[in-house]
Protein backbone atom coordinates (compact mmCIF):
# COMPACT_ATOMS: atom_id res chain seq x y z
CA UNK A 1 -19.80 33.15 -4.66
CA UNK A 2 -20.81 32.64 -1.06
CA UNK A 3 -18.16 32.05 2.00
CA UNK A 4 -18.89 31.16 5.27
CA UNK A 5 -16.95 30.50 8.29
CA UNK A 6 -17.63 27.11 9.88
CA UNK A 7 -15.85 24.52 12.01
CA UNK A 8 -14.95 21.76 10.19
CA UNK A 9 -17.71 19.44 11.56
CA UNK A 10 -20.20 21.88 10.24
CA UNK A 11 -18.39 21.93 6.78
CA UNK A 12 -18.97 18.39 6.55
CA UNK A 13 -22.75 18.85 7.81
CA UNK A 14 -23.46 21.18 4.97
CA UNK A 15 -21.53 19.21 2.59
CA UNK A 16 -24.00 16.15 3.38
CA UNK A 17 -27.07 18.37 3.48
CA UNK A 18 -26.28 19.53 -0.10
CA UNK A 19 -25.60 16.25 -1.51
CA UNK A 20 -28.73 14.94 -0.33
CA UNK A 21 -30.82 18.18 -1.42
CA UNK A 22 -29.17 17.44 -4.73
CA UNK A 23 -29.84 14.03 -5.53
CA UNK A 24 -32.95 12.04 -3.70
CA UNK A 25 -31.14 9.02 -3.73
CA UNK A 26 -28.33 9.91 -1.12
CA UNK A 27 -28.86 8.20 2.58
CA UNK A 28 -27.22 8.51 5.53
CA UNK A 29 -26.73 5.99 7.67
CA UNK A 30 -25.00 4.91 11.23
CA UNK A 31 -25.07 4.65 14.99
CA UNK A 32 -26.90 7.49 16.58
CA UNK A 33 -26.65 9.34 13.21
CA UNK A 34 -30.34 10.13 13.37
CA UNK A 35 -32.24 11.69 16.21
CA UNK A 36 -28.49 12.47 17.96
CA UNK A 37 -27.19 13.92 14.90
CA UNK A 38 -23.72 11.81 15.31
CA UNK A 39 -21.35 11.82 18.49
CA UNK A 40 -19.44 14.76 16.72
CA UNK A 41 -22.84 16.33 15.76
CA UNK A 42 -21.86 16.07 12.20
CA UNK A 43 -25.44 15.00 10.84
CA UNK A 44 -27.18 17.34 13.47
CA UNK A 45 -30.73 18.22 12.45
CA UNK A 46 -30.89 15.86 8.79
CA UNK A 47 -32.94 13.17 10.57
CA UNK A 48 -35.27 16.27 10.94
CA UNK A 49 -35.53 17.66 7.77
CA UNK A 50 -34.94 14.53 5.42
CA UNK A 51 -36.91 11.88 7.63
CA UNK A 52 -35.97 8.40 8.80
CA UNK A 53 -36.11 6.90 5.60
CA UNK A 54 -33.07 8.90 4.67
CA UNK A 55 -31.22 9.15 7.82
CA UNK A 56 -31.22 6.02 9.37
CA UNK A 57 -30.25 4.91 12.90
CA UNK A 58 -28.96 1.65 12.65
CA UNK A 59 -28.04 -1.25 15.09
CA UNK A 60 -24.47 -1.30 16.77
CA UNK A 61 -23.32 -3.45 13.79
CA UNK A 62 -20.74 -2.28 11.33
CA UNK A 63 -20.96 -5.42 9.42
CA UNK A 64 -24.61 -4.93 8.84
CA UNK A 65 -24.15 -1.54 8.19
CA UNK A 66 -21.64 -1.63 5.25
CA UNK A 67 -23.37 -4.71 4.20
CA UNK A 68 -26.44 -2.82 4.13
CA UNK A 69 -25.39 -0.06 2.11
CA UNK A 70 -23.95 -2.51 -0.59
CA UNK A 71 -27.61 -3.66 -1.22
CA UNK A 72 -28.71 -0.46 -1.58
CA UNK A 73 -26.19 0.67 -3.88
CA UNK A 74 -27.21 -2.12 -6.15
CA UNK A 75 -30.56 -0.90 -6.14
CA UNK A 76 -29.72 2.65 -7.24
CA UNK A 77 -28.83 4.27 -3.91
CA UNK A 78 -25.95 6.04 -2.77
CA UNK A 79 -25.69 5.33 0.80
CA UNK A 80 -23.23 7.41 3.11
CA UNK A 81 -22.33 5.17 6.29
CA UNK A 82 -20.97 6.61 9.19
CA UNK A 83 -18.42 4.40 11.49
CA UNK A 84 -18.41 6.23 14.72
CA UNK A 85 -14.88 5.58 15.94
CA UNK A 86 -11.94 4.38 13.40
CA UNK A 87 -11.18 1.53 15.92
CA UNK A 88 -14.71 0.68 15.16
CA UNK A 89 -14.14 -0.18 11.48
CA UNK A 90 -12.73 -3.78 11.55
CA UNK A 91 -15.89 -5.80 12.01
CA UNK A 92 -16.93 -3.96 8.30
CA UNK A 93 -13.69 -4.66 6.61
CA UNK A 94 -15.01 -7.83 5.65
CA UNK A 95 -17.72 -6.30 3.54
CA UNK A 96 -15.99 -3.28 2.24
CA UNK A 97 -13.12 -5.54 1.03
CA UNK A 98 -14.24 -8.54 0.08
CA UNK A 99 -17.34 -7.08 -1.73
CA UNK A 100 -17.69 -3.12 -1.60
CA UNK A 101 -14.04 -3.24 -3.20
CA UNK A 102 -14.38 -6.17 -5.37
CA UNK A 103 -18.01 -5.48 -6.73
CA UNK A 104 -16.82 -3.42 -10.21
CA UNK A 105 -14.33 -5.90 -11.26
CA UNK A 106 -16.50 -8.95 -10.77
CA UNK A 107 -19.07 -8.36 -12.22
CA UNK A 108 -16.98 -6.67 -15.50
CA UNK A 109 -18.03 -3.46 -15.06
CA UNK A 110 -21.99 -4.14 -14.92
CA UNK A 111 -22.12 -2.85 -11.69
CA UNK A 112 -21.03 0.20 -9.75
CA UNK A 113 -21.35 0.36 -5.66
CA UNK A 114 -21.21 4.59 -4.96
CA UNK A 115 -20.96 4.04 -1.30
CA UNK A 116 -19.15 6.53 1.22
CA UNK A 117 -17.64 4.84 4.18
CA UNK A 118 -17.26 8.04 6.72
CA UNK A 119 -14.42 7.41 9.14
CA UNK A 120 -13.34 9.82 11.87
CA UNK A 121 -9.59 9.18 12.77
CA UNK A 122 -6.54 9.42 14.81
CA UNK A 123 -5.98 10.90 18.20
CA UNK A 124 -5.64 13.78 19.74
CA UNK A 125 -9.23 13.69 21.71
CA UNK A 126 -8.11 11.76 25.18
CA UNK A 127 -10.68 8.81 24.27
CA UNK A 128 -10.38 5.71 25.42
CA UNK A 129 -8.70 2.40 23.51
CA UNK A 130 -10.71 1.98 19.62
CA UNK A 131 -11.43 5.80 19.55
CA UNK A 132 -7.87 7.01 17.97
CA UNK A 133 -6.51 4.64 15.72
CA UNK A 134 -5.23 5.67 11.79
CA UNK A 135 -6.16 2.46 9.89
CA UNK A 136 -6.08 4.28 6.28
CA UNK A 137 -3.26 2.06 4.99
CA UNK A 138 -5.46 -1.07 5.34
CA UNK A 139 -8.12 0.52 2.56
CA UNK A 140 -5.38 1.90 0.62
CA UNK A 141 -3.95 -1.81 -0.20
CA UNK A 142 -7.42 -2.61 -0.97
CA UNK A 143 -7.60 -2.41 -5.18
CA UNK A 144 -10.98 -1.01 -5.66
CA UNK A 145 -11.69 1.57 -2.83
CA UNK A 146 -10.70 5.18 -3.28
CA UNK A 147 -9.17 6.47 -0.17
CA UNK A 148 -9.21 10.13 0.53
CA UNK A 149 -8.89 12.66 3.86
CA UNK A 150 -10.06 16.19 4.41
CA UNK A 151 -7.39 18.40 6.85
CA UNK A 152 -9.49 21.40 6.78
CA UNK A 153 -13.18 22.60 6.79
CA UNK A 154 -13.02 24.24 3.33
CA UNK A 155 -11.93 20.49 1.60
CA UNK A 156 -14.19 18.83 4.16
CA UNK A 157 -17.45 20.72 2.52
CA UNK A 158 -16.20 20.11 -1.24
CA UNK A 159 -14.56 16.41 -0.72
CA UNK A 160 -17.61 14.36 0.60
CA UNK A 161 -19.54 16.40 -2.15
CA UNK A 162 -17.54 15.08 -4.37
CA UNK A 163 -17.15 11.44 -2.86
CA UNK A 164 -20.93 10.80 -2.93
CA UNK A 165 -20.90 11.72 -6.74
CA UNK A 166 -18.11 9.07 -7.26
CA UNK A 167 -19.11 6.35 -9.35
CA UNK A 168 -16.77 3.95 -7.12
CA UNK A 169 -16.97 3.26 -3.14
CA UNK A 170 -14.59 5.75 -1.40
CA UNK A 171 -13.39 5.74 2.11
CA UNK A 172 -13.81 8.81 3.77
CA UNK A 173 -11.16 9.61 6.74
CA UNK A 174 -12.10 12.33 8.76
CA UNK A 175 -9.84 14.17 11.58
CA UNK A 176 -11.43 14.09 14.41
CA UNK A 177 -9.05 15.89 16.56
CA UNK A 178 -9.92 19.13 13.70
CA UNK A 179 -13.76 18.95 14.03
CA UNK A 180 -13.56 22.18 15.65
CA UNK A 181 -11.21 23.82 13.65
CA UNK A 182 -12.68 27.21 11.92
CA UNK A 183 -12.19 28.32 8.67
CA UNK A 184 -13.47 30.32 5.70
CA UNK A 185 -15.52 28.03 3.27
CA UNK A 186 -16.35 28.68 -0.26
CA UNK A 187 -19.76 27.38 -1.15
CA UNK A 188 -19.14 26.92 -4.63
CA UNK A 189 -18.28 23.20 -5.49
CA UNK A 190 -17.05 24.25 -9.12
CA UNK A 191 -14.28 26.25 -7.75
CA UNK A 192 -12.83 23.02 -5.70
CA UNK A 193 -9.62 21.20 -6.59
CA UNK A 194 -10.46 17.32 -8.19
CA UNK A 195 -11.20 14.97 -5.37
CA UNK A 196 -7.71 13.16 -6.04
CA UNK A 197 -5.52 16.28 -6.61
CA UNK A 198 -3.25 16.86 -4.10
CA UNK A 199 -2.45 20.95 -3.02
CA UNK A 200 0.74 22.99 -2.00
CA UNK A 201 -0.51 24.45 1.27
CA UNK A 202 2.69 25.99 1.73
CA UNK A 203 5.06 26.83 -0.75
CA UNK A 204 8.37 26.47 0.10
CA UNK A 205 11.97 25.78 -1.45
CA UNK A 206 14.16 23.60 0.68
CA UNK A 207 12.40 20.77 2.09
CA UNK A 208 9.23 18.79 0.85
CA UNK A 209 6.80 17.81 3.83
CA UNK A 210 4.09 15.43 2.71
CA UNK A 211 0.90 14.97 4.91
CA UNK A 212 -2.76 14.64 5.20
CA UNK A 213 -5.80 14.83 7.49
CA UNK A 214 -5.11 15.95 10.88
CA UNK A 215 -1.06 15.95 10.10
CA UNK A 216 -1.85 18.70 8.09
CA UNK A 217 -2.03 21.61 10.45
CA UNK A 218 0.98 20.29 12.70
CA UNK A 219 3.47 20.28 9.61
CA UNK A 220 1.87 24.12 8.55
CA UNK A 221 2.95 24.94 12.56
CA UNK A 222 6.23 23.20 12.00
CA UNK A 223 7.19 25.36 8.83
CA UNK A 224 5.90 28.53 10.26
CA UNK A 225 8.14 27.83 13.41
CA UNK A 226 11.36 27.22 11.44
CA UNK A 227 12.95 30.18 10.67
CA UNK A 228 16.17 28.84 8.81
CA UNK A 229 14.41 26.68 6.27
CA UNK A 230 11.67 26.71 3.40
CA UNK A 231 9.51 23.96 4.28
CA UNK A 232 6.86 23.24 1.55
CA UNK A 233 4.06 21.40 2.76
CA UNK A 234 1.75 19.21 0.59
CA UNK A 235 -1.33 18.37 1.27
CA UNK A 236 -2.30 14.67 -0.25
CA UNK A 237 -6.08 14.87 0.40
CA UNK A 238 -6.19 11.56 -1.89
CA UNK A 239 -4.12 8.61 -0.65
CA UNK A 240 -5.61 6.15 -3.22
CA UNK A 241 -5.13 7.34 -6.20
CA UNK A 242 -2.04 9.25 -4.96
CA UNK A 243 -1.60 12.70 -7.38
CA UNK A 244 2.52 11.79 -7.38
CA UNK A 245 2.72 14.33 -9.95
CA UNK A 246 2.37 17.14 -7.55
CA UNK A 247 4.55 15.17 -4.80
CA UNK A 248 7.58 14.46 -7.60
CA UNK A 249 7.49 18.11 -8.60
CA UNK A 250 8.07 19.28 -5.05
CA UNK A 251 10.77 17.05 -4.19
CA UNK A 252 12.36 17.55 -7.98
CA UNK A 253 12.46 21.16 -6.47
CA UNK A 254 13.62 20.93 -2.57
CA UNK A 255 15.85 17.64 -3.05
CA UNK A 256 14.61 16.27 0.10
CA UNK A 257 11.55 15.13 1.58
CA UNK A 258 9.54 14.22 5.06
CA UNK A 259 6.84 12.20 5.46
CA UNK A 260 4.31 12.77 8.15
CA UNK A 261 1.08 10.67 9.19
CA UNK A 262 -0.15 9.59 12.94
CA UNK A 263 -0.41 5.99 11.80
CA UNK A 264 2.74 3.65 12.59
CA UNK A 265 5.59 4.22 10.50
CA UNK A 266 6.32 0.66 10.39
CA UNK A 267 4.05 -0.59 7.37
CA UNK A 268 2.30 2.73 7.24
CA UNK A 269 1.67 4.79 4.53
CA UNK A 270 4.66 6.71 4.60
CA UNK A 271 6.91 3.36 3.06
CA UNK A 272 4.62 3.64 -0.26
CA UNK A 273 5.71 7.24 -0.42
CA UNK A 274 9.07 6.79 0.10
CA UNK A 275 9.54 3.94 -1.96
CA UNK A 276 7.49 5.90 -4.93
CA UNK A 277 9.61 9.15 -4.91
CA UNK A 278 13.21 7.07 -4.45
CA UNK A 279 12.04 5.65 -7.66
CA UNK A 280 11.03 8.60 -9.47
CA UNK A 281 13.22 10.81 -7.92
CA UNK A 282 16.72 9.17 -7.20
CA UNK A 283 18.98 11.75 -8.87
CA UNK A 284 17.35 14.98 -7.49
CA UNK A 285 17.29 13.66 -3.85
CA UNK A 286 19.68 15.10 -1.53
CA UNK A 287 19.30 12.72 1.35
CA UNK A 288 16.89 9.60 1.96
CA UNK A 289 13.46 10.02 2.77
CA UNK A 290 12.50 9.90 6.16
CA UNK A 291 9.21 9.02 8.02
CA UNK A 292 7.46 10.42 11.16
CA UNK A 293 5.08 8.70 12.47
CA UNK A 294 3.32 6.77 15.31
CA UNK A 295 5.29 4.18 17.14
CA UNK A 296 4.71 0.79 16.65
CA UNK A 297 2.46 -0.11 19.58
CA UNK A 298 -1.33 0.20 19.93
CA UNK A 299 -2.24 3.31 20.28
CA UNK A 300 -2.00 4.38 23.84
CA UNK A 301 -3.78 5.51 26.86
CA UNK A 302 -4.85 8.92 26.51
CA UNK A 303 -2.56 10.46 29.17
CA UNK A 304 0.33 9.71 27.03
CA UNK A 305 -0.85 10.07 23.77
CA UNK A 306 0.89 13.43 23.24
CA UNK A 307 4.28 11.39 23.69
CA UNK A 308 2.98 8.75 20.81
CA UNK A 309 1.56 11.64 18.23
CA UNK A 310 4.03 13.13 15.59
CA UNK A 311 4.49 16.92 17.03
CA UNK A 312 5.86 20.15 15.57
CA UNK A 313 9.50 18.81 17.38
CA UNK A 314 9.50 15.60 16.02
CA UNK A 315 8.67 16.55 12.59
CA UNK A 316 11.83 19.73 12.51
CA UNK A 317 13.98 17.15 13.67
CA UNK A 318 13.24 14.93 10.86
CA UNK A 319 13.93 18.17 8.85
CA UNK A 320 17.31 19.15 10.47
CA UNK A 321 18.44 15.16 9.80
CA UNK A 322 17.58 15.57 6.04
CA UNK A 323 20.53 18.31 5.98
CA UNK A 324 22.92 15.85 8.28
CA UNK A 325 23.33 13.71 4.58
């Protein structure tokens, strides 16, 4: 088995390259993905090696990108669409929810659309408006879509390949402020956990902390900083479908749970997690499930985004409050 140390961005690029080598039907399309290699250089070098017919620079039209991918998938291809920034995905929502998510059911199972939509998500990079959003809950609510979020280079490498192999459409969230984080990556896909399996990122006994995408690292830092309690950090990895069994096993052990995500708390995915845990683990809970997230405002200017994003102190404050009941 081969292990390489890669940044998350490079691991994604390596995963895309491997998928394209393994299957000639895999295409990449998006704004500046070809000659430039993407604004985060995830697709750097792929157009040079695979040609303009497989790595396609598209017009600035997200609805057109996804709509074209639907047509290509109907013809047997496996398109991977890049949405340049999270806030740019909304022009494509009609195609994603009205077509991509519905085609399998509409055709009574006769048609599958193996399309992956890559979306760099979250804040922390000092960007302007529409460049730091967390729209995952919009897609998690749309039946017919698989929604996943990688948090580290190893998962980025394997999960992008697993998503491309999926027969169903996958919304693939990439934590943009983690693109430059480095870690060892096992290059053997067979050793990876299944795409929709949550993993225990750090074992613990006192509190379960649930996170995905960019917040996993923040929660791990919070767990390392707490000298009094033992925090078990669960990396959900998949938002829909949800690995509820791993979550329940942890909460039943600890009796307390904190959910963290960058998106606003109101109506966020943490509410779904809290509801499911309360329904299934009610008699094991020592305190209500608490949520830590963004505020109910549009994403703020970059000079104050650190006050908006959940940080180590806010997570540990929620942990403290779970012991106040």
